N, C-alpha and C. Protein backbone atom coordinates (compact mmCIF):
# COMPACT_ATOMS: atom_id res chain seq x y z
N UNK A 1 232.60 65.51 241.67
CA UNK A 1 231.24 64.49 242.09
C UNK A 1 229.93 65.01 241.63
N UNK A 2 229.34 64.30 240.90
CA UNK A 2 227.76 64.61 240.84
C UNK A 2 227.00 64.36 241.96
N UNK A 3 225.53 65.23 241.54
CA UNK A 3 224.41 64.93 242.45
C UNK A 3 223.34 64.43 241.75
N UNK A 4 223.01 63.72 242.47
CA UNK A 4 221.87 62.81 241.92
C UNK A 4 220.44 63.25 242.41
N UNK A 5 219.40 63.41 241.96
CA UNK A 5 218.04 63.37 242.43
C UNK A 5 217.49 61.88 242.12
N UNK A 6 216.48 61.38 243.11
CA UNK A 6 216.22 59.91 243.11
C UNK A 6 214.89 59.94 243.00
N UNK A 7 214.28 58.78 242.93
CA UNK A 7 212.94 58.40 242.99
C UNK A 7 212.90 57.25 243.70
N UNK A 8 212.29 56.53 244.99
CA UNK A 8 212.47 55.15 245.45
C UNK A 8 210.80 54.77 245.42
N UNK A 9 210.85 53.84 245.31
CA UNK A 9 209.57 52.84 245.17
C UNK A 9 209.71 51.80 247.15
N UNK A 10 208.44 52.43 247.72
CA UNK A 10 208.56 51.96 249.08
C UNK A 10 207.45 50.58 248.83
N UNK A 11 207.64 49.57 250.00
CA UNK A 11 207.02 48.73 249.91
C UNK A 11 205.69 49.11 250.18
N UNK A 12 205.14 50.04 250.22
CA UNK A 12 203.50 50.44 250.20
C UNK A 12 203.04 51.05 249.21
N UNK A 13 204.07 50.75 247.91
CA UNK A 13 203.33 51.49 246.98
C UNK A 13 203.75 52.96 246.84
N UNK A 14 204.51 53.71 247.60
CA UNK A 14 204.62 54.97 247.65
C UNK A 14 205.35 55.31 246.84
N UNK A 15 205.65 56.35 247.01
CA UNK A 15 206.82 57.17 245.90
C UNK A 15 207.19 58.20 246.72
N UNK A 16 209.10 58.00 246.78
CA UNK A 16 209.75 59.02 247.60
C UNK A 16 210.86 59.65 246.85
N UNK A 17 210.88 61.14 246.66
CA UNK A 17 211.97 62.28 245.89
C UNK A 17 212.70 62.52 246.72
N UNK A 18 214.20 62.78 246.64
CA UNK A 18 214.75 63.25 246.71
C UNK A 18 216.50 63.59 246.58
N UNK A 19 217.13 63.97 247.48
CA UNK A 19 218.64 63.85 245.95
C UNK A 19 219.71 63.69 246.86
N UNK A 20 221.17 63.56 246.71
CA UNK A 20 221.83 62.69 247.31
C UNK A 20 223.34 62.78 246.29
N UNK A 21 224.63 62.74 247.13
CA UNK A 21 225.43 62.88 246.25
C UNK A 21 226.46 61.32 245.82
N UNK A 22 225.68 60.41 246.49
CA UNK A 22 226.05 58.92 246.32
C UNK A 22 224.88 57.63 246.72
N UNK A 23 223.95 57.59 245.40
CA UNK A 23 222.71 56.84 245.70
C UNK A 23 222.80 55.63 246.26
N UNK A 24 223.81 54.82 246.20
CA UNK A 24 223.65 53.27 246.99
C UNK A 24 224.05 53.90 248.42
N UNK A 25 224.52 54.79 248.87
CA UNK A 25 224.44 54.77 250.42
C UNK A 25 223.32 55.61 250.97
N UNK A 26 222.84 56.10 250.43
CA UNK A 26 221.30 56.62 250.55
C UNK A 26 220.33 55.82 250.68
N UNK A 27 220.43 55.03 249.99
CA UNK A 27 219.25 53.76 249.54
C UNK A 27 219.26 52.71 250.96
N UNK A 28 220.73 52.49 251.02
CA UNK A 28 221.27 51.75 252.32
C UNK A 28 220.63 52.47 253.69
N UNK A 29 220.98 53.96 253.58
CA UNK A 29 220.50 54.65 254.65
C UNK A 29 219.14 54.87 255.17
N UNK A 30 218.44 54.56 254.21
CA UNK A 30 216.57 54.44 254.03
C UNK A 30 216.23 53.21 254.48
N UNK A 31 216.87 52.24 254.40
CA UNK A 31 216.54 50.87 254.16
C UNK A 31 217.06 50.23 255.88
N UNK A 32 218.23 50.91 256.28
CA UNK A 32 218.67 50.54 257.80
C UNK A 32 218.11 51.59 258.97
N UNK A 33 218.10 51.04 260.20
CA UNK A 33 217.58 51.45 261.12
C UNK A 33 218.28 52.17 261.94
N UNK A 34 218.62 53.80 261.06
CA UNK A 34 219.62 54.17 261.94
C UNK A 34 218.90 55.88 261.42
N UNK A 35 219.95 57.15 262.41
CA UNK A 35 218.93 58.20 262.06
C UNK A 35 219.23 58.91 261.06
N UNK A 36 219.87 58.24 259.89
CA UNK A 36 220.24 59.34 258.70
C UNK A 36 218.78 58.91 257.54
N UNK A 37 218.44 58.20 257.40
CA UNK A 37 217.28 57.63 256.35
C UNK A 37 216.35 59.00 257.02
N UNK A 38 215.06 59.19 255.83
CA UNK A 38 214.30 60.13 255.78
C UNK A 38 213.09 59.28 257.10
N UNK A 39 212.69 60.13 257.88
CA UNK A 39 211.72 59.76 258.72
C UNK A 39 210.18 58.89 258.57
N UNK A 40 210.05 59.84 257.02
CA UNK A 40 208.81 59.05 256.50
C UNK A 40 209.14 57.92 255.75
N UNK A 41 210.24 57.27 256.31
CA UNK A 41 210.26 56.34 254.96
C UNK A 41 210.34 55.01 256.11
N UNK A 42 210.90 55.28 257.39
CA UNK A 42 210.72 54.26 258.21
C UNK A 42 209.68 53.04 258.74
N UNK A 43 208.89 53.72 258.30
CA UNK A 43 207.58 52.40 258.32
C UNK A 43 207.07 52.02 256.69
N UNK A 44 207.94 52.36 255.64
CA UNK A 44 207.46 51.90 255.18
C UNK A 44 208.73 50.85 253.72
N UNK A 45 209.61 50.37 255.03
CA UNK A 45 210.82 49.95 254.24
C UNK A 45 210.17 48.12 254.06
N UNK A 46 211.03 47.85 252.99
CA UNK A 46 211.93 48.27 251.92
C UNK A 46 211.95 49.23 251.19
N UNK A 47 213.03 49.85 250.88
CA UNK A 47 212.70 50.89 249.32
C UNK A 47 213.33 50.37 248.45
N UNK A 48 213.41 50.97 247.29
CA UNK A 48 214.49 50.25 245.94
C UNK A 48 214.14 51.37 245.22
N UNK A 49 215.65 51.65 244.50
CA UNK A 49 215.66 52.89 243.30
C UNK A 49 214.63 52.12 242.31
N UNK A 50 214.02 53.43 241.53
CA UNK A 50 213.36 53.59 240.77
C UNK A 50 213.65 54.14 239.43
N UNK A 51 214.44 55.43 239.70
CA UNK A 51 214.68 56.51 238.71
C UNK A 51 215.62 57.49 239.65
N UNK A 52 216.52 57.83 238.59
CA UNK A 52 218.08 59.04 238.55
C UNK A 52 217.84 59.85 237.86
N UNK A 53 218.15 60.56 238.04
CA UNK A 53 219.38 61.61 236.96
C UNK A 53 220.68 62.25 237.85
N UNK A 54 221.36 62.95 236.95
CA UNK A 54 222.70 63.20 237.18
C UNK A 54 222.70 64.62 237.15
N UNK A 55 223.15 65.59 238.14
CA UNK A 55 223.60 66.86 237.81
C UNK A 55 224.58 67.21 237.99
N UNK A 56 225.03 68.31 237.91
CA UNK A 56 226.49 68.72 238.13
C UNK A 56 226.55 69.53 239.29
N UNK A 57 225.25 70.18 239.88
CA UNK A 57 225.32 70.61 240.87
C UNK A 57 224.17 70.64 241.81
N UNK A 58 224.39 70.87 243.23
CA UNK A 58 223.37 70.07 244.08
C UNK A 58 222.05 71.48 243.80
N UNK A 59 222.45 72.85 243.56
CA UNK A 59 221.61 73.51 243.14
C UNK A 59 220.45 73.22 242.28
N UNK A 60 221.16 72.35 240.58
CA UNK A 60 220.14 71.88 240.04
C UNK A 60 219.57 71.20 240.35
N UNK A 61 220.42 69.98 241.06
CA UNK A 61 218.83 68.69 241.47
C UNK A 61 218.32 69.03 242.37
N UNK A 62 218.53 70.06 243.24
CA UNK A 62 217.29 70.42 244.09
C UNK A 62 216.13 71.17 243.30
N UNK A 63 216.38 71.92 242.43
CA UNK A 63 215.82 72.38 241.08
C UNK A 63 214.87 71.84 240.60
N UNK A 64 215.75 70.54 239.72
CA UNK A 64 214.63 69.10 239.70
C UNK A 64 213.88 68.43 240.64
N UNK A 65 213.97 68.50 241.89
CA UNK A 65 213.38 68.02 242.86
C UNK A 65 212.07 68.80 243.66
N UNK A 66 212.72 69.98 243.42
CA UNK A 66 211.33 70.63 243.79
C UNK A 66 210.10 70.35 242.66
N UNK A 67 210.50 70.53 241.47
CA UNK A 67 209.76 70.36 240.47
C UNK A 67 209.07 69.18 240.21
N UNK A 68 209.40 68.55 240.44
CA UNK A 68 209.25 66.73 240.55
C UNK A 68 207.77 66.92 241.53
N UNK A 69 208.23 66.66 242.72
CA UNK A 69 207.63 66.63 244.19
C UNK A 69 206.27 67.61 243.50
N UNK A 70 205.88 68.13 243.13
CA UNK A 70 204.82 69.06 242.70
C UNK A 70 203.88 68.47 241.60
N UNK A 71 204.69 66.97 240.99
CA UNK A 71 203.84 66.10 240.23
C UNK A 71 202.90 65.34 240.96
N UNK A 72 201.88 65.03 239.52
CA UNK A 72 201.28 63.98 240.69
C UNK A 72 201.68 62.61 240.05
N UNK A 73 201.20 62.00 241.13
CA UNK A 73 201.77 60.03 240.99
C UNK A 73 201.46 59.15 239.47
N UNK A 74 200.75 59.74 239.15
CA UNK A 74 200.63 59.85 237.57
C UNK A 74 201.72 59.85 236.55
N UNK A 75 202.32 61.38 236.90
CA UNK A 75 203.25 61.55 235.74
C UNK A 75 204.64 61.02 236.47
N UNK A 76 204.89 61.00 237.51
CA UNK A 76 206.23 60.06 238.46
C UNK A 76 206.15 58.78 237.78
N UNK A 77 205.21 58.06 237.85
CA UNK A 77 205.08 57.00 237.07
C UNK A 77 205.41 56.44 235.92
N UNK A 78 204.87 57.70 235.09
CA UNK A 78 205.37 57.69 233.49
C UNK A 78 206.76 58.00 233.69
N UNK A 79 207.49 58.55 233.95
CA UNK A 79 208.89 59.18 234.30
C UNK A 79 209.51 57.81 234.26
N UNK A 80 209.19 57.21 235.67
CA UNK A 80 209.60 55.54 235.98
C UNK A 80 209.81 54.64 234.74
N UNK A 81 208.71 54.74 234.73
CA UNK A 81 208.48 53.58 233.22
C UNK A 81 209.48 53.93 231.87
N UNK A 82 209.40 55.35 231.54
CA UNK A 82 210.13 55.58 230.74
C UNK A 82 211.81 55.37 230.39
N UNK A 83 211.93 55.76 231.99
CA UNK A 83 213.09 54.87 232.68
C UNK A 83 213.86 54.18 232.40
N UNK A 84 212.88 53.39 233.15
CA UNK A 84 213.26 51.79 232.86
C UNK A 84 213.12 51.10 231.44
N UNK A 85 212.34 51.44 230.57
CA UNK A 85 212.37 51.18 229.47
C UNK A 85 213.78 51.34 228.38
N UNK A 86 214.14 52.70 228.57
CA UNK A 86 215.16 53.05 228.04
C UNK A 86 216.22 52.20 228.93
N UNK A 87 216.38 52.24 229.92
CA UNK A 87 217.64 51.15 230.47
C UNK A 87 217.68 49.55 230.18
N UNK A 88 216.17 49.48 229.87
CA UNK A 88 216.60 47.76 229.74
C UNK A 88 217.12 46.67 228.87
N UNK A 89 217.61 47.82 227.66
CA UNK A 89 218.12 47.02 226.76
C UNK A 89 219.95 47.08 226.57
């Protein structure tokens, strides 16, 4: 099974980056009132999936997550914009 790096766009316009094995489940966890979602997102709901990449291993996904978390918001938005354009056709 693949690992995914994902970026969500929060209701307040902020971006959140994480990794998971199940994108649908993770987004649902972030959007529901349970203890499984990230604490930092509890007051920024709803969140929507804005970007994702697939990796063969957790370590590859974590490495990419660490890299992207160092980026500025501007670069993250460019990544998301390119992803939307690429996948809109």
